[in-house]
Amino acid sequence: MTHDLIENWRRMRKLARDASAAESDALEAAWEAPMPASLQAATPSDIVEGAILWYPDHQGRRWEEISVVYDPTDDFKAYLSDDGCRYGLRGAFVEMAAPKAVT
């Protein structure tokens, strides 16, 4: 008979593998996200962890999520993306906030 702690680990390992596969599938689908209709050039203040920057001139995936901020003013290496590469402000855009409704 296998110890309960080992069986629990096996269940958690399967759960983690299933979650990892689901995350990969969701990311692949997200790569196809359409470009927002209203973009404005990114500025250093837009370089914050978790932000999404858009690169209209990139082929394939046209957005990056900021994982680690390095130098928000750098045109080429402002931040580290979730893909492990560094990107910068050059060619980067952010989605413009929708105007607030007047009540």
Protein backbone atom coordinates (compact mmCIF):
# COMPACT_ATOMS: atom_id res chain seq x y z
CA MET A 1 0.00 0.00 0.00
CA THR A 2 1.36 3.40 -1.00
CA HIS A 3 1.61 5.98 1.72
CA ASP A 4 -1.07 8.70 1.73
CA LEU A 5 1.54 11.43 1.43
CA ILE A 6 2.90 9.86 -1.75
CA GLU A 7 -0.58 9.47 -3.21
CA ASN A 8 -1.32 13.10 -2.40
CA TRP A 9 1.86 14.14 -4.19
CA ARG A 10 0.86 12.09 -7.24
CA ARG A 11 -2.56 13.77 -7.33
CA MET A 12 -0.99 17.22 -7.03
CA ARG A 13 1.56 16.41 -9.74
CA LYS A 14 -1.24 15.42 -12.13
CA LEU A 15 -3.20 18.54 -11.23
CA ALA A 16 -0.14 20.72 -11.89
CA ARG A 17 0.53 19.03 -15.25
CA ASP A 18 -3.09 19.46 -16.30
CA ALA A 19 -3.02 23.12 -15.24
CA SER A 20 0.23 23.68 -17.14
CA ALA A 21 -1.29 22.21 -20.30
CA ALA A 22 -4.39 24.39 -19.88
CA GLU A 23 -2.19 27.48 -19.41
CA SER A 24 -0.23 26.65 -22.57
CA ASP A 25 -3.45 26.24 -24.55
CA ALA A 26 -4.80 29.56 -23.22
CA LEU A 27 -1.54 31.36 -24.07
CA GLU A 28 -1.56 29.98 -27.59
CA ALA A 29 -5.12 31.26 -28.03
CA ALA A 30 -4.17 34.63 -26.49
CA TRP A 31 -1.43 35.10 -29.09
CA GLU A 32 -4.24 35.57 -31.58
CA ALA A 33 -5.80 38.44 -29.61
CA PRO A 34 -6.72 41.24 -31.98
CA MET A 35 -4.96 44.57 -31.73
CA PRO A 36 -7.02 47.09 -29.72
CA ALA A 37 -8.75 49.74 -31.82
CA SER A 38 -7.29 52.66 -29.86
CA LEU A 39 -3.57 52.64 -29.12
CA GLN A 40 -1.19 55.34 -27.99
CA ALA A 41 2.60 55.31 -27.81
CA ALA A 42 3.88 53.82 -24.55
CA THR A 43 5.76 56.07 -22.14
CA PRO A 44 8.09 55.19 -19.25
CA SER A 45 5.13 55.44 -16.84
CA ASP A 46 3.47 52.56 -18.73
CA ILE A 47 6.34 50.21 -17.91
CA VAL A 48 4.93 48.49 -14.82
CA GLU A 49 4.75 44.82 -13.87
CA GLY A 50 1.71 43.11 -15.32
CA ALA A 51 1.07 45.72 -18.02
CA ILE A 52 0.40 44.62 -21.60
CA LEU A 53 2.32 46.45 -24.33
CA TRP A 54 1.40 46.14 -27.99
CA TYR A 55 3.87 46.04 -30.88
CA PRO A 56 1.96 46.53 -34.16
CA ASP A 57 5.08 45.97 -36.28
CA HIS A 58 5.93 42.56 -34.76
CA GLN A 59 5.16 39.41 -36.67
CA GLY A 60 3.20 36.69 -34.89
CA ARG A 61 2.51 37.55 -31.26
CA ARG A 62 2.03 41.30 -31.13
CA TRP A 63 1.80 41.89 -27.38
CA GLU A 64 4.01 41.37 -24.35
CA GLU A 65 3.27 41.21 -20.64
CA ILE A 66 5.80 42.96 -18.41
CA SER A 67 7.24 40.56 -15.84
CA VAL A 68 10.20 42.54 -14.48
CA VAL A 69 10.94 46.25 -14.92
CA TYR A 70 14.57 47.17 -15.68
CA ASP A 71 14.82 50.71 -17.04
CA PRO A 72 11.48 52.20 -18.12
CA THR A 73 13.23 54.82 -20.29
CA ASP A 74 15.25 52.32 -22.37
CA ASP A 75 14.15 52.00 -26.00
CA PHE A 76 15.37 48.40 -26.23
CA LYS A 77 15.64 46.82 -22.75
CA ALA A 78 13.07 48.48 -20.52
CA TYR A 79 11.61 45.25 -19.18
CA LEU A 80 11.63 41.47 -19.17
CA SER A 81 8.58 39.80 -20.71
CA ASP A 82 6.98 36.53 -19.72
CA ASP A 83 8.74 34.93 -22.73
CA GLY A 84 12.14 35.60 -21.09
CA CYS A 85 13.18 38.32 -23.57
CA ARG A 86 13.83 42.00 -22.97
CA TYR A 87 11.81 44.63 -24.80
CA GLY A 88 11.72 48.40 -24.79
CA LEU A 89 9.72 51.48 -25.60
CA ARG A 90 10.62 51.60 -29.28
CA GLY A 91 7.49 50.64 -31.20
CA ALA A 92 5.52 49.93 -28.00
CA PHE A 93 1.93 51.02 -27.55
CA VAL A 94 -0.69 50.78 -24.83
CA GLU A 95 -4.43 50.56 -25.16
CA MET A 96 -6.11 53.91 -24.66
CA ALA A 97 -8.57 53.99 -21.81
CA ALA A 98 -12.17 54.30 -22.89
CA PRO A 99 -13.64 57.72 -22.16
CA LYS A 100 -15.72 57.83 -19.01
CA ALA A 101 -19.43 58.15 -19.52
CA VAL A 102 -20.92 61.46 -18.52
CA THR A 103 -23.77 61.01 -16.06
